[in-house]
Structure formats: C-alpha cells, structure tokens
Amino acid sequence: MDIGNPAVNITIFAVFVVATLFIVLRVASRNQTAADYYAGGRSFTGQQNGIAISGDYLSAASFLGIAGAVAVYGYDGFLYSIGFLVAWLVALLLVAELLRNTGRFTMADVVSFRMRQRPVRTAASTSTLAVSFFYLLAQMAGAGGLVALLLGIDSGSGQRVVIAVVGAIMVFYVLVGGMKGTTWVQIVKALLLITGAGVMTVWVMAKHNFNLSSLLAAAVERAGGAEGLLEPMNRYGASATTKLDFISLALALVLGTAGLPHVLMRFYTVPTAKQARHSVTWAIALIGLFYLFSLILGYGAGALVGRDEILNAPGGVNSAAPLLAYELGGTILLGIIAAVAFATILAVVAGLTITASASFAHDIYANVIKKGEMGANDEVRVARITAVVIGAVAIVGGIFANGQNVAFLVALAFAVAASANLPVILYSLFWKRFNTRGALWSIYGGLATAVTLIVFSPVVSGKPVDPATGRSPSMLQDVDFHWFPLDNPGLVSIPAGFLLGWIGTRTSSEFNAAKYAEMEVRSLTGAGAEKAVQH
C-alpha cells in the first residue's frame, strides 16, 4: 500500500529528528550532577513540567492507538481516553504532592523510606523495569507500524530494521541529554502533537460543516451501516467474558497512571511539592483537550478513510491517524503528522528508558550492590550503560509486538503498574502499620500475578485468525497455550497486589514508629524534602 511520497515523508521525518537531536545536544552540557541527569536539576516550573508530563503521557497509544480504536470499534475505542484521563484524578489527589515531598529520584526512595532498604529497593526497581518494558513494547510497536506506513515498507524484515533505528535514536537521547534533554523534547513534542491534532480536528469538522451528527452518520455509513459504532459494548458486549474484560481494562487504566514509574519520576523535576501539584493540573487540561480531539480524529478516519482500508494498511489499526492526515492534506500533511507521531514515540521511549536506567543505577547498583558508597558520576555512568541494555531489550520486544494495537499494549503496562506499584505506594504513604514484608509481598505478588496472567492470556496466544488481516491478533502465531480468558489481568492482579500487601504486613511484627512519623510529616508538609534533595 503506497501512501504519499516516501522521499518527501522521510525528508520531513529527518527534519524533526535533527531538530530534536539539536535540542538534546544543546542542553547536554548542563548535565553535571546526578540530580541534573535524573531530575533535570529540579529546575522546571509547574507549567513546563505539566506540558512535559502531557508529552510523556500522550504516547503512541493516545495518538495512534485510540484514534484507530475509535475508527474501528467506535464508542468502545473512546473508553480508553476516558480511562486514561480519569486516572489523573487519582494521581493528583493521592500521589503527586506526597511523592514529591518524600522521595529524591525514584519510586523506591518513597517505598523504602521506612522499610529495610536493600530488599525493598530491589523489589521496587524490578517492578519499575517490568512496567517500563511493557510500555516500551507499545511504543516500539507503534514506531514500526508508523514508519512502515511512512516509507511504504510492507515486509516484516523492513519493519524490524525500523524498530532497531528507533531504539538507537532513543538511546542517544538518553545517553547525551539525560532528563533535561528528554524533558525539553517532550515539551516541544507535546505542543506540536496537540497543535497538529487540533488542526486535523478542525479540518475534519469543516468537511462535515462543523456538525458532529453529520460526522458520526458518515462514519456509520462508511462502515456499512454499523450502528454499533455509536453504541457502548460494540467490542466488549459480546459475552460475559468480554464484559469482564472491559471492567478489567477500566480498572487498569484508572489506577495505573499513579503507578507508572516514568510519570512518577517527573514529579522530581520541579523544585517544590506545590509545583508538582501545579504540574498535574496543567497536564489534566492538556491531556483532556487532546482526548477530545482524538474522538473526532477516530470517527473522522472511519468516515473519510474506512475501516477496511485502515486494517489492511501497514501498521493496521495504528495507521488510522496518518491515513486520515493523507486523506485531508496529502503527502505534506501526512509527513508532518507522521513525523510528529514519531517524535512522540521517541520522547516517550526516552522518558521510559531514563526512568528504568535510573532505577537500576540509583536503587540496585548504588544502594543495594554498593550500599550507598559510590560517587554520583559513577552512578550516572552505570545509568548510561543500563540505558544501552534497555534499548536492546526494547528493540527485541518491539519486534515481537509489532502489529498489535498500541493502546491495548499500554493498557497491559497500566495493569502491571496498578498491580505492583500502586498498592505499595498507597500503603507506604497512608498505612501506619505497613512494613517490609508487606511491601515485598505486594510488589512481587502483584507483579508475578499480572505478568503470569498476561503470558497465559489470549493477548500472547490463542486468538482466532482475523479474516480482515489474515493473521491472529495474538503476539504469537499458530500456537495456543492460554488458559486465562481475559485480555487484561487487572481485575484479578490489582486486588491481588493490595491483598498480598495486607497479608504480608499482618503476618510480620516489624514497625518503625519513628520513621513513620518522620515520613508522615515530610509527605504532608514538605519539611525535610530539601534535605533529601541535597543528600
């Protein structure tokens, strides 16, 4: 399937990549300390960080996956947007300010504050790496499909090369720019993405006389009169199993954000807890606006491009937004939108990589292996080496996940985060009795439950072949070893994480009253937070 002019597409794409690389190189000279590399020197304002958070959060799942899901499934596709947005209320009310007051660089700083440091830091870092891996799968899969469409690459080997190139550029961002470079790329990318989506939204509405009803009717007509596009449960209402799957998905989306390590790490890039809270309000406003755009873009793609054309394009359902851009503005708009989407993937992947590498270097290597006896420069060096390893793992994983709907893959990452990270964060901040055993059982138990159920779910194997595409929607073709019926494990794994944390705590007598009192005062008032920053 030939879309546009590959030479024009690659030229626009190259301009965006060069521009973002220039930004990274420009700020790279300012990375002098561990705080600079991990937290951008805590020099960003709430507004800047809020825009960067929206850039971090509005990933390939938001732009490519949700637009595609709305185009193909209608109303049910928009449920992703609702879940992703509502989740920020949990982050705002329960996590953002308290986390910024208590920690230094990573989630493990908060969780291990009043526990035995080494085992809890190891567990928190393991969970961080697992969540980052699942999230990376989604971004790399989106990159493969997007650039395959951009360059007209239909072969699997060509798309694998594309995914490898994405991984290489992402690693360069992290190695050179650190958190400062990554943050500025995210700010620029967020503004470009929201502006591009806004322009396309106005354009789609103009083609339908700015009448939403006309747009929806056109989408239904293009889909052959599929009235289900406008009704709930078009995808999830077929059986009791699919309805349970929807509940599981909703739980994962709403509770997952507050446990995402790359989002939590962003709260440390501002100087105060007040600015952290200010960041979230900015992020909610921008993310909410974008998701309104995604609804129009999804139905616009359904009306102007068509369901079958989207499913048969390179990248499948993830191609809806780029195909819509081509339908609206031809080669130039396609090149611009695809390049912005690619910059989106690069920025998010870079943020995930720096989070995962910081967690390993700061939590496991510096505080567990070296027991806190190593210099900041050595710690940063280990983080950079880890970033290269994570990049290689992400490339391999992205190749296996290529062709999957990226919004759905991100939902798996949210399920793991909500199962392993959220219970231990909330227990640490709000439950006086919580202790080391509870933290370990909560993290490892929630993580093991979520990952096991994903591995043995229809997502990995066992789904029947889709007649429209000629292949199974599962990651592995021609095999079936699934026994868990739901696509998303959240309905089982999230309660398991909370329950195991409670049981572990109740079966241990450990309790450090002085440390809990110190943490409570610090988390609520910010007293002592600056001391932690300068530590």
Protein backbone atom coordinates (compact mmCIF):
# COMPACT_ATOMS: atom_id res chain seq x y z
CA MET A 1 0.00 0.00 0.00
CA ASP A 2 1.67 3.22 -1.19
CA ILE A 3 0.81 6.31 0.83
CA GLY A 4 2.23 9.64 -0.30
CA ASN A 5 5.79 10.10 -1.48
CA PRO A 6 8.38 8.19 0.62
CA ALA A 7 11.11 10.72 -0.29
CA VAL A 8 9.02 13.67 0.97
CA ASN A 9 7.94 11.69 4.03
CA ILE A 10 11.48 10.75 5.02
CA THR A 11 12.70 14.34 4.46
CA ILE A 12 10.09 15.80 6.84
CA PHE A 13 10.75 12.98 9.28
CA ALA A 14 14.53 13.67 9.17
CA VAL A 15 13.98 17.39 9.84
CA PHE A 16 12.03 16.58 13.02
CA VAL A 17 14.64 14.10 14.22
CA VAL A 18 17.50 16.54 13.59
CA ALA A 19 15.62 19.32 15.39
CA THR A 20 15.03 17.17 18.48
CA LEU A 21 18.63 15.95 18.45
CA PHE A 22 19.78 19.59 18.37
CA ILE A 23 17.69 20.31 21.47
CA VAL A 24 19.23 17.33 23.27
CA LEU A 25 22.78 18.36 22.37
CA ARG A 26 22.09 21.97 23.38
CA VAL A 27 21.19 21.07 26.96
CA ALA A 28 23.63 18.17 27.30
CA SER A 29 26.46 20.39 28.56
CA ARG A 30 24.38 21.30 31.63
CA ASN A 31 24.30 17.71 32.94
CA GLN A 32 26.92 17.94 35.68
CA THR A 33 25.40 16.10 38.65
CA ALA A 34 23.18 13.08 39.32
CA ALA A 35 20.28 15.47 40.01
CA ASP A 36 20.83 17.03 36.58
CA TYR A 37 20.85 13.67 34.82
CA TYR A 38 17.95 12.07 36.73
CA ALA A 39 15.73 15.05 37.58
CA GLY A 40 16.80 17.86 35.24
CA GLY A 41 18.34 19.75 38.17
CA ARG A 42 14.78 20.26 39.55
CA SER A 43 14.76 23.46 37.51
CA PHE A 44 11.44 23.15 35.66
CA THR A 45 8.34 25.17 36.57
CA GLY A 46 4.98 23.56 37.17
CA GLN A 47 3.75 24.75 33.78
CA GLN A 48 6.81 23.43 31.95
CA ASN A 49 6.63 20.12 33.78
CA GLY A 50 2.89 19.84 33.16
CA ILE A 51 3.46 20.22 29.41
CA ALA A 52 6.29 17.66 29.63
CA ILE A 53 4.04 15.26 31.57
CA SER A 54 1.40 15.55 28.86
CA GLY A 55 4.17 14.88 26.34
CA ASP A 56 5.23 11.82 28.32
CA TYR A 57 1.65 10.61 28.71
CA LEU A 58 0.32 11.33 25.21
CA SER A 59 2.21 8.46 23.70
CA ALA A 60 1.72 6.41 20.56
CA ALA A 61 -1.20 4.81 22.38
CA SER A 62 -3.03 8.12 22.60
CA PHE A 63 -2.40 9.38 19.09
CA LEU A 64 -2.24 6.18 17.04
CA GLY A 65 -3.96 3.54 19.17
CA ILE A 66 -7.00 5.48 20.39
CA ALA A 67 -7.72 7.10 17.02
CA GLY A 68 -7.54 3.65 15.45
CA ALA A 69 -9.68 2.06 18.16
CA VAL A 70 -12.39 4.72 17.71
CA ALA A 71 -12.27 4.35 13.91
CA VAL A 72 -12.65 0.55 14.06
CA TYR A 73 -14.72 -0.02 17.23
CA GLY A 74 -16.48 3.32 17.65
CA TYR A 75 -17.68 4.24 21.12
CA ASP A 76 -15.73 1.48 22.87
CA GLY A 77 -12.46 2.87 21.49
CA PHE A 78 -13.13 6.18 23.25
CA LEU A 79 -13.33 4.34 26.59
CA TYR A 80 -9.52 4.25 26.52
CA SER A 81 -9.47 8.06 26.53
CA ILE A 82 -11.90 8.26 29.43
CA GLY A 83 -9.87 5.80 31.50
CA PHE A 84 -6.55 7.49 30.74
CA LEU A 85 -7.93 10.92 31.72
CA VAL A 86 -9.84 9.94 34.88
CA ALA A 87 -6.66 8.27 36.11
CA TRP A 88 -5.09 11.67 36.64
CA LEU A 89 -7.53 12.44 39.44
CA VAL A 90 -6.01 9.55 41.39
CA ALA A 91 -2.51 10.88 40.69
CA LEU A 92 -3.48 14.45 41.66
CA LEU A 93 -5.39 13.70 44.86
CA LEU A 94 -3.36 10.82 46.29
CA VAL A 95 0.16 10.75 44.90
CA ALA A 96 1.77 13.81 43.25
CA GLU A 97 2.44 16.16 46.18
CA LEU A 98 3.13 13.45 48.77
CA LEU A 99 5.55 11.67 46.45
CA ARG A 100 7.49 14.85 45.67
CA ASN A 101 7.83 15.65 49.37
CA THR A 102 9.09 12.20 50.34
CA GLY A 103 11.37 10.96 47.56
CA ARG A 104 14.51 12.01 45.77
CA PHE A 105 14.83 10.42 42.32
CA THR A 106 12.73 7.24 42.07
CA MET A 107 9.63 5.49 43.41
CA ALA A 108 11.88 3.25 45.52
CA ASP A 109 13.02 6.30 47.52
CA VAL A 110 9.45 6.63 48.83
CA VAL A 111 8.63 2.95 49.25
CA SER A 112 11.86 2.12 51.11
CA PHE A 113 11.81 5.23 53.33
CA ARG A 114 10.67 3.39 56.46
CA MET A 115 11.50 -0.18 55.40
CA ARG A 116 14.62 -2.30 55.14
CA GLN A 117 16.36 -0.58 52.25
CA ARG A 118 18.02 -3.31 50.21
CA PRO A 119 15.17 -5.81 49.67
CA VAL A 120 12.54 -3.13 49.13
CA ARG A 121 14.69 -1.11 46.69
CA THR A 122 15.41 -4.30 44.75
CA ALA A 123 11.70 -5.11 44.55
CA ALA A 124 10.69 -1.57 43.54
CA SER A 125 13.37 -1.44 40.86
CA THR A 126 12.32 -4.84 39.50
CA SER A 127 8.75 -3.60 39.20
CA THR A 128 9.90 -0.36 37.54
CA LEU A 129 11.85 -2.30 34.93
CA ALA A 130 8.88 -4.61 34.25
CA VAL A 131 6.39 -1.76 33.78
CA SER A 132 8.86 0.15 31.60
CA PHE A 133 9.36 -2.95 29.43
CA PHE A 134 5.64 -3.39 28.74
CA TYR A 135 5.26 0.31 27.98
CA LEU A 136 8.29 0.19 25.69
CA LEU A 137 6.69 -2.70 23.77
CA ALA A 138 3.77 -0.45 22.87
CA GLN A 139 5.91 2.47 21.73
CA MET A 140 8.25 0.34 19.63
CA ALA A 141 5.31 -1.45 18.00
CA GLY A 142 3.78 1.93 17.17
CA ALA A 143 7.08 3.11 15.68
CA GLY A 144 7.37 0.05 13.48
CA GLY A 145 3.88 0.46 12.04
CA LEU A 146 4.14 4.23 11.66
CA VAL A 147 7.44 4.38 9.80
CA ALA A 148 6.45 1.31 7.76
CA LEU A 149 3.44 3.32 6.57
CA LEU A 150 5.56 6.45 6.11
CA LEU A 151 8.11 4.68 3.91
CA GLY A 152 5.78 2.13 2.34
CA ILE A 153 7.54 -0.82 3.99
CA ASP A 154 5.34 -3.90 3.97
CA SER A 155 7.92 -6.60 4.75
CA GLY A 156 8.44 -7.83 8.29
CA SER A 157 12.23 -7.54 7.96
CA GLY A 158 11.96 -3.90 6.91
CA GLN A 159 9.79 -3.07 9.91
CA ARG A 160 12.28 -4.82 12.20
CA VAL A 161 15.01 -2.53 10.86
CA VAL A 162 12.77 0.47 11.55
CA ILE A 163 12.26 -0.62 15.16
CA ALA A 164 16.04 -1.03 15.59
CA VAL A 165 16.64 2.52 14.29
CA VAL A 166 14.04 3.91 16.71
CA GLY A 167 15.81 2.16 19.59
CA ALA A 168 19.20 3.53 18.55
CA ILE A 169 17.99 7.16 18.35
CA MET A 170 16.19 6.81 21.68
CA VAL A 171 19.34 5.53 23.42
CA PHE A 172 21.27 8.50 22.04
CA TYR A 173 18.70 10.92 23.52
CA VAL A 174 19.12 9.38 26.96
CA LEU A 175 22.90 8.98 26.90
CA VAL A 176 23.53 12.57 25.86
CA GLY A 177 20.61 14.63 27.14
CA GLY A 178 19.56 12.96 30.37
CA MET A 179 16.33 14.18 31.95
CA LYS A 180 16.87 17.78 30.83
CA GLY A 181 17.18 16.88 27.18
CA THR A 182 14.31 14.41 27.41
CA THR A 183 12.07 16.98 29.14
CA TRP A 184 12.62 19.67 26.52
CA VAL A 185 11.97 17.18 23.73
CA GLN A 186 8.73 16.22 25.50
CA ILE A 187 7.67 19.86 25.84
CA VAL A 188 8.26 20.60 22.15
CA LYS A 189 6.64 17.32 21.13
CA ALA A 190 3.55 17.90 23.29
CA LEU A 191 2.94 21.33 21.77
CA LEU A 192 3.42 20.01 18.23
CA LEU A 193 1.20 16.99 18.85
CA ILE A 194 -1.68 18.95 20.38
CA THR A 195 -1.43 21.62 17.66
CA GLY A 196 -1.33 19.01 14.88
CA ALA A 197 -4.30 17.11 16.34
CA GLY A 198 -6.18 20.39 16.75
CA VAL A 199 -5.62 21.38 13.10
CA MET A 200 -6.77 17.95 11.89
CA THR A 201 -9.83 18.11 14.17
CA VAL A 202 -10.92 21.47 12.74
CA TRP A 203 -10.27 20.16 9.22
CA VAL A 204 -12.41 17.04 9.78
CA MET A 205 -15.24 19.09 11.27
CA ALA A 206 -15.05 21.57 8.37
CA LYS A 207 -15.58 18.70 5.92
CA HIS A 208 -18.79 17.91 7.79
CA ASN A 209 -20.00 21.53 8.16
CA PHE A 210 -18.90 21.58 11.81
CA ASN A 211 -21.80 19.23 12.56
CA LEU A 212 -20.87 16.35 14.85
CA SER A 213 -24.00 14.42 13.93
CA SER A 214 -23.06 14.56 10.25
CA LEU A 215 -19.59 13.22 11.08
CA LEU A 216 -20.97 10.33 13.10
CA ALA A 217 -23.52 9.49 10.40
CA ALA A 218 -20.75 9.48 7.76
CA ALA A 219 -18.66 7.10 9.88
CA VAL A 220 -21.60 4.71 10.26
CA GLU A 221 -22.38 4.88 6.54
CA ARG A 222 -18.73 4.19 5.57
CA ALA A 223 -18.75 1.16 7.89
CA GLY A 224 -21.75 -0.30 6.05
CA GLY A 225 -24.38 0.92 8.48
CA ALA A 226 -22.71 -0.48 11.59
CA GLU A 227 -24.85 1.33 14.16
CA GLY A 228 -22.77 -0.26 16.91
CA LEU A 229 -20.10 2.37 16.24
CA LEU A 230 -22.22 4.82 18.22
CA GLU A 231 -23.25 2.45 20.99
CA PRO A 232 -21.38 1.13 24.04
CA MET A 233 -20.25 -2.50 24.24
CA ASN A 234 -19.73 -2.83 20.47
CA ARG A 235 -16.45 -4.56 21.25
CA TYR A 236 -16.87 -5.60 24.87
CA GLY A 237 -20.55 -6.58 24.99
CA ALA A 238 -20.49 -9.82 23.03
CA SER A 239 -20.33 -12.12 26.07
CA ALA A 240 -19.88 -12.21 29.83
CA THR A 241 -16.15 -12.69 29.31
CA THR A 242 -15.77 -9.56 27.18
CA LYS A 243 -17.80 -7.55 29.69
CA LEU A 244 -15.49 -8.69 32.48
CA ASP A 245 -12.57 -7.81 30.23
CA PHE A 246 -13.92 -4.27 29.95
CA ILE A 247 -14.14 -3.94 33.74
CA SER A 248 -10.58 -5.25 33.99
CA LEU A 249 -9.38 -2.77 31.38
CA ALA A 250 -11.14 0.14 33.12
CA LEU A 251 -9.55 -0.73 36.48
CA ALA A 252 -6.11 -0.91 34.89
CA LEU A 253 -6.47 2.43 33.09
CA VAL A 254 -7.89 4.38 36.04
CA LEU A 255 -5.49 3.01 38.66
CA GLY A 256 -2.39 2.52 36.51
CA THR A 257 -1.26 6.12 35.97
CA ALA A 258 -0.47 6.72 39.65
CA GLY A 259 1.90 3.73 39.50
CA LEU A 260 3.72 4.47 36.24
CA PRO A 261 7.40 4.99 37.11
CA HIS A 262 8.18 7.41 34.26
CA VAL A 263 5.23 9.61 35.28
CA LEU A 264 6.14 9.46 38.98
CA MET A 265 9.74 10.43 38.20
CA ARG A 266 8.53 13.63 36.54
CA PHE A 267 7.35 14.95 39.92
CA TYR A 268 11.02 15.19 40.99
CA THR A 269 11.95 17.62 38.20
CA VAL A 270 10.21 20.55 39.94
CA PRO A 271 11.60 22.40 42.99
CA THR A 272 8.57 22.09 45.31
CA ALA A 273 5.50 19.97 46.01
CA LYS A 274 3.28 22.92 45.09
CA GLN A 275 4.83 22.95 41.64
CA ALA A 276 4.28 19.17 41.40
CA ARG A 277 0.57 19.71 42.04
CA HIS A 278 0.57 22.60 39.55
CA SER A 279 2.16 20.24 37.01
CA VAL A 280 -0.72 17.79 37.28
CA THR A 281 -3.40 20.46 36.77
CA TRP A 282 -1.65 21.60 33.58
CA ALA A 283 -1.30 18.00 32.44
CA ILE A 284 -5.01 17.27 33.04
CA ALA A 285 -6.07 20.30 30.97
CA LEU A 286 -3.83 19.48 28.01
CA ILE A 287 -4.49 15.73 28.08
CA GLY A 288 -8.26 16.27 28.30
CA LEU A 289 -8.18 18.63 25.31
CA PHE A 290 -6.19 16.14 23.28
CA TYR A 291 -8.56 13.27 24.04
CA LEU A 292 -11.48 15.33 22.79
CA PHE A 293 -9.52 15.77 19.56
CA SER A 294 -8.86 12.01 19.40
CA LEU A 295 -12.61 11.29 19.37
CA ILE A 296 -13.09 13.47 16.28
CA LEU A 297 -9.97 12.06 14.61
CA GLY A 298 -11.14 8.49 15.19
CA TYR A 299 -14.61 8.97 13.73
CA GLY A 300 -13.07 11.17 11.03
CA ALA A 301 -10.76 8.33 10.00
CA GLY A 302 -13.72 5.95 9.97
CA ALA A 303 -15.74 8.32 7.78
CA LEU A 304 -13.04 9.50 5.36
CA VAL A 305 -10.66 6.51 5.19
CA GLY A 306 -12.76 3.48 6.10
CA ARG A 307 -12.37 0.53 8.46
CA ASP A 308 -11.11 -1.98 5.90
CA GLU A 309 -8.51 0.40 4.47
CA ILE A 310 -7.17 1.07 7.99
CA LEU A 311 -6.96 -2.62 8.93
CA ASN A 312 -5.19 -3.53 5.66
CA ALA A 313 -2.58 -0.75 5.85
CA PRO A 314 0.97 -1.36 7.19
CA GLY A 315 0.63 -0.98 10.95
CA GLY A 316 -3.03 -1.99 10.89
CA VAL A 317 -5.30 -0.17 13.31
CA ASN A 318 -2.42 2.12 14.38
CA SER A 319 -2.41 3.68 10.90
CA ALA A 320 -5.77 5.48 11.25
CA ALA A 321 -4.41 8.93 12.16
CA PRO A 322 -1.66 9.03 9.47
CA LEU A 323 -4.11 7.77 6.83
CA LEU A 324 -6.57 10.48 7.86
CA ALA A 325 -3.81 13.08 7.52
CA TYR A 326 -3.09 11.84 3.99
CA GLU A 327 -6.78 11.96 3.11
CA LEU A 328 -7.06 15.54 4.39
CA GLY A 329 -3.82 17.19 3.26
CA GLY A 330 -1.98 14.77 1.04
CA THR A 331 1.71 13.97 1.22
CA ILE A 332 2.85 17.06 3.15
CA LEU A 333 0.33 16.75 5.99
CA LEU A 334 0.98 13.01 6.19
CA GLY A 335 4.72 13.66 6.51
CA ILE A 336 4.20 16.29 9.20
CA ILE A 337 1.70 14.26 11.27
CA ALA A 338 3.73 11.07 10.95
CA ALA A 339 6.89 12.92 11.96
CA VAL A 340 5.13 14.43 14.98
CA ALA A 341 3.85 10.98 15.93
CA PHE A 342 7.35 9.59 15.57
CA ALA A 343 8.74 12.39 17.75
CA THR A 344 6.03 11.40 20.23
CA ILE A 345 7.31 7.84 20.30
CA LEU A 346 10.94 8.93 20.63
CA ALA A 347 10.19 11.27 23.54
CA VAL A 348 8.10 8.73 25.45
CA VAL A 349 10.61 5.93 24.86
CA ALA A 350 13.43 8.20 26.03
CA GLY A 351 11.48 9.04 29.19
CA LEU A 352 10.84 5.36 29.89
CA THR A 353 14.48 4.46 29.28
CA ILE A 354 15.89 7.12 31.59
CA THR A 355 13.43 6.04 34.29
CA ALA A 356 14.36 2.38 34.01
CA SER A 357 18.10 3.07 33.85
CA ALA A 358 17.91 5.48 36.80
CA SER A 359 16.03 2.90 38.84
CA PHE A 360 18.67 0.24 38.23
CA ALA A 361 21.66 2.55 38.77
CA HIS A 362 20.28 4.50 41.76
CA ASP A 363 18.31 1.77 43.54
CA ILE A 364 20.01 -1.54 42.77
CA TYR A 365 23.61 -0.67 41.91
CA ALA A 366 24.26 2.34 44.13
CA ASN A 367 22.11 1.49 47.16
CA VAL A 368 21.94 -2.32 47.11
CA ILE A 369 25.15 -3.56 45.50
CA LYS A 370 27.43 -0.68 46.57
CA LYS A 371 25.42 0.05 49.76
CA GLY A 372 25.42 3.78 49.07
CA GLU A 373 29.19 4.02 48.82
CA MET A 374 29.74 5.32 45.30
CA GLY A 375 30.07 8.72 43.67
CA ALA A 376 27.36 10.44 41.66
CA ASN A 377 29.47 10.32 38.48
CA ASP A 378 29.86 6.55 38.78
CA GLU A 379 26.13 6.21 39.33
CA VAL A 380 25.35 8.21 36.19
CA ARG A 381 27.87 6.12 34.21
CA VAL A 382 26.08 2.92 35.29
CA ALA A 383 22.75 4.51 34.32
CA ARG A 384 24.06 5.21 30.82
CA ILE A 385 25.31 1.64 30.38
CA THR A 386 21.92 0.37 31.58
CA ALA A 387 20.17 2.60 29.03
CA VAL A 388 22.01 0.83 26.22
CA VAL A 389 20.96 -2.59 27.54
CA ILE A 390 17.34 -1.46 27.94
CA GLY A 391 17.40 -0.12 24.39
CA ALA A 392 18.50 -3.51 23.07
CA VAL A 393 15.78 -5.31 25.05
CA ALA A 394 13.15 -2.83 23.83
CA ILE A 395 14.14 -3.45 20.21
CA VAL A 396 13.74 -7.23 20.56
CA GLY A 397 10.43 -6.88 22.40
CA GLY A 398 9.13 -4.33 19.88
CA ILE A 399 9.79 -6.75 17.03
CA PHE A 400 7.58 -9.39 18.69
CA ALA A 401 4.84 -6.84 19.50
CA ASN A 402 4.80 -5.27 16.03
CA GLY A 403 1.27 -5.12 14.63
CA GLN A 404 -0.52 -5.05 18.00
CA ASN A 405 -2.81 -2.13 18.88
CA VAL A 406 -0.57 0.17 20.90
CA ALA A 407 -3.39 1.48 23.09
CA PHE A 408 -4.06 -2.07 24.19
CA LEU A 409 -0.37 -2.82 24.83
CA VAL A 410 -0.14 0.29 27.00
CA ALA A 411 -3.18 -0.96 28.93
CA LEU A 412 -1.12 -4.03 29.85
CA ALA A 413 1.62 -1.75 31.23
CA PHE A 414 -1.04 0.10 33.23
CA ALA A 415 -2.29 -3.22 34.65
CA VAL A 416 1.22 -4.18 35.80
CA ALA A 417 1.76 -0.71 37.33
CA ALA A 418 -1.59 -0.78 39.13
CA SER A 419 -0.93 -4.30 40.44
CA ALA A 420 2.68 -3.98 41.61
CA ASN A 421 3.34 -0.26 42.22
CA LEU A 422 0.11 1.45 43.26
CA PRO A 423 -0.66 -0.77 46.29
CA VAL A 424 2.80 -0.33 47.79
CA ILE A 425 2.81 3.45 47.14
CA LEU A 426 -0.58 4.00 48.80
CA TYR A 427 0.20 1.66 51.70
CA SER A 428 3.56 3.39 52.25
CA LEU A 429 2.01 6.86 52.30
CA PHE A 430 -1.19 6.16 54.25
CA TRP A 431 -0.94 2.94 56.33
CA LYS A 432 0.98 3.31 59.57
CA ARG A 433 1.30 -0.45 60.09
CA PHE A 434 2.81 -1.17 56.65
CA ASN A 435 6.22 -2.86 56.76
CA THR A 436 8.94 -4.57 54.71
CA ARG A 437 7.23 -7.93 54.29
CA GLY A 438 4.04 -6.23 53.16
CA ALA A 439 5.98 -4.18 50.60
CA LEU A 440 7.78 -7.23 49.20
CA TRP A 441 4.64 -9.37 49.00
CA SER A 442 2.69 -6.53 47.42
CA ILE A 443 5.29 -5.74 44.74
CA TYR A 444 6.41 -9.26 43.85
CA GLY A 445 2.94 -10.75 44.27
CA GLY A 446 1.17 -8.11 42.18
CA LEU A 447 3.92 -8.21 39.55
CA ALA A 448 4.01 -12.01 39.32
CA THR A 449 0.23 -12.26 39.14
CA ALA A 450 -0.08 -9.63 36.41
CA VAL A 451 2.78 -10.94 34.27
CA THR A 452 1.70 -14.58 34.61
CA LEU A 453 -1.87 -13.80 33.59
CA ILE A 454 -0.63 -11.76 30.61
CA VAL A 455 1.65 -14.56 29.41
CA PHE A 456 -1.20 -17.09 29.56
CA SER A 457 -3.84 -14.73 28.14
CA PRO A 458 -5.24 -14.51 24.59
CA VAL A 459 -3.03 -11.46 24.04
CA VAL A 460 0.01 -13.72 23.74
CA SER A 461 -1.53 -16.80 22.10
CA GLY A 462 -4.74 -18.48 21.08
CA LYS A 463 -6.90 -15.85 19.36
CA PRO A 464 -8.52 -17.00 16.10
CA VAL A 465 -7.31 -15.59 12.79
CA ASP A 466 -8.96 -12.28 11.82
CA PRO A 467 -10.41 -12.65 8.29
CA ALA A 468 -9.72 -8.97 7.58
CA THR A 469 -5.97 -9.26 8.17
CA GLY A 470 -5.31 -12.96 7.68
CA ARG A 471 -3.43 -13.27 10.96
CA SER A 472 -4.21 -13.84 14.61
CA PRO A 473 -4.36 -10.71 16.82
CA SER A 474 -2.21 -12.59 19.37
CA MET A 475 1.51 -11.82 19.61
CA LEU A 476 2.49 -15.44 18.83
CA GLN A 477 1.01 -17.02 15.73
CA ASP A 478 -0.05 -20.66 15.25
CA VAL A 479 0.25 -21.59 18.95
CA ASP A 480 -2.24 -21.68 21.80
CA PHE A 481 -1.24 -22.09 25.44
CA HIS A 482 -3.62 -19.57 27.02
CA TRP A 483 -5.85 -20.53 29.94
CA PHE A 484 -6.71 -17.10 31.39
CA PRO A 485 -9.79 -15.86 29.49
CA LEU A 486 -9.35 -12.07 29.85
CA ASP A 487 -7.10 -9.89 27.70
CA ASN A 488 -6.29 -7.58 30.61
CA PRO A 489 -5.33 -9.06 34.01
CA GLY A 490 -6.27 -6.02 36.13
CA LEU A 491 -9.49 -7.44 37.54
CA VAL A 492 -7.52 -10.20 39.28
CA SER A 493 -3.99 -8.83 39.66
CA ILE A 494 -4.82 -5.40 41.15
CA PRO A 495 -6.84 -6.78 44.12
CA ALA A 496 -4.12 -9.45 44.50
CA GLY A 497 -1.45 -6.75 44.92
CA PHE A 498 -3.45 -4.99 47.65
CA LEU A 499 -4.42 -8.24 49.38
CA LEU A 500 -0.89 -9.66 49.43
CA GLY A 501 0.44 -6.37 50.84
CA TRP A 502 -2.13 -6.55 53.65
CA ILE A 503 -1.43 -10.22 54.42
CA GLY A 504 2.34 -9.70 54.38
CA THR A 505 2.06 -6.77 56.77
CA ARG A 506 -0.29 -8.55 59.16
CA THR A 507 1.99 -11.60 59.39
CA SER A 508 5.04 -9.51 60.35
CA SER A 509 5.65 -7.69 63.64
CA GLU A 510 8.04 -5.12 62.16
CA PHE A 511 7.02 -1.49 62.73
CA ASN A 512 9.23 1.60 62.89
CA ALA A 513 7.09 4.24 64.61
CA ALA A 514 9.75 6.98 64.44
CA LYS A 515 10.32 6.53 60.72
CA TYR A 516 6.59 6.54 60.01
CA ALA A 517 6.16 9.77 61.97
CA GLU A 518 9.03 11.37 60.03
CA MET A 519 7.57 10.22 56.71
CA GLU A 520 4.10 11.45 57.61
CA VAL A 521 5.35 14.92 58.49
CA ARG A 522 7.57 15.12 55.41
CA SER A 523 4.89 13.87 52.99
CA LEU A 524 2.23 16.27 54.27
CA THR A 525 4.31 19.40 54.89
CA GLY A 526 7.42 19.06 52.77
CA ALA A 527 9.62 19.56 55.83
CA GLY A 528 12.93 17.87 55.19
CA ALA A 529 12.33 17.50 51.46
CA GLU A 530 15.10 19.92 50.57
CA LYS A 531 17.48 17.94 52.76
CA ALA A 532 16.61 14.85 50.72
CA VAL A 533 17.26 16.78 47.53
CA GLN A 534 20.71 17.84 48.65
CA HIS A 535 21.61 14.43 50.04
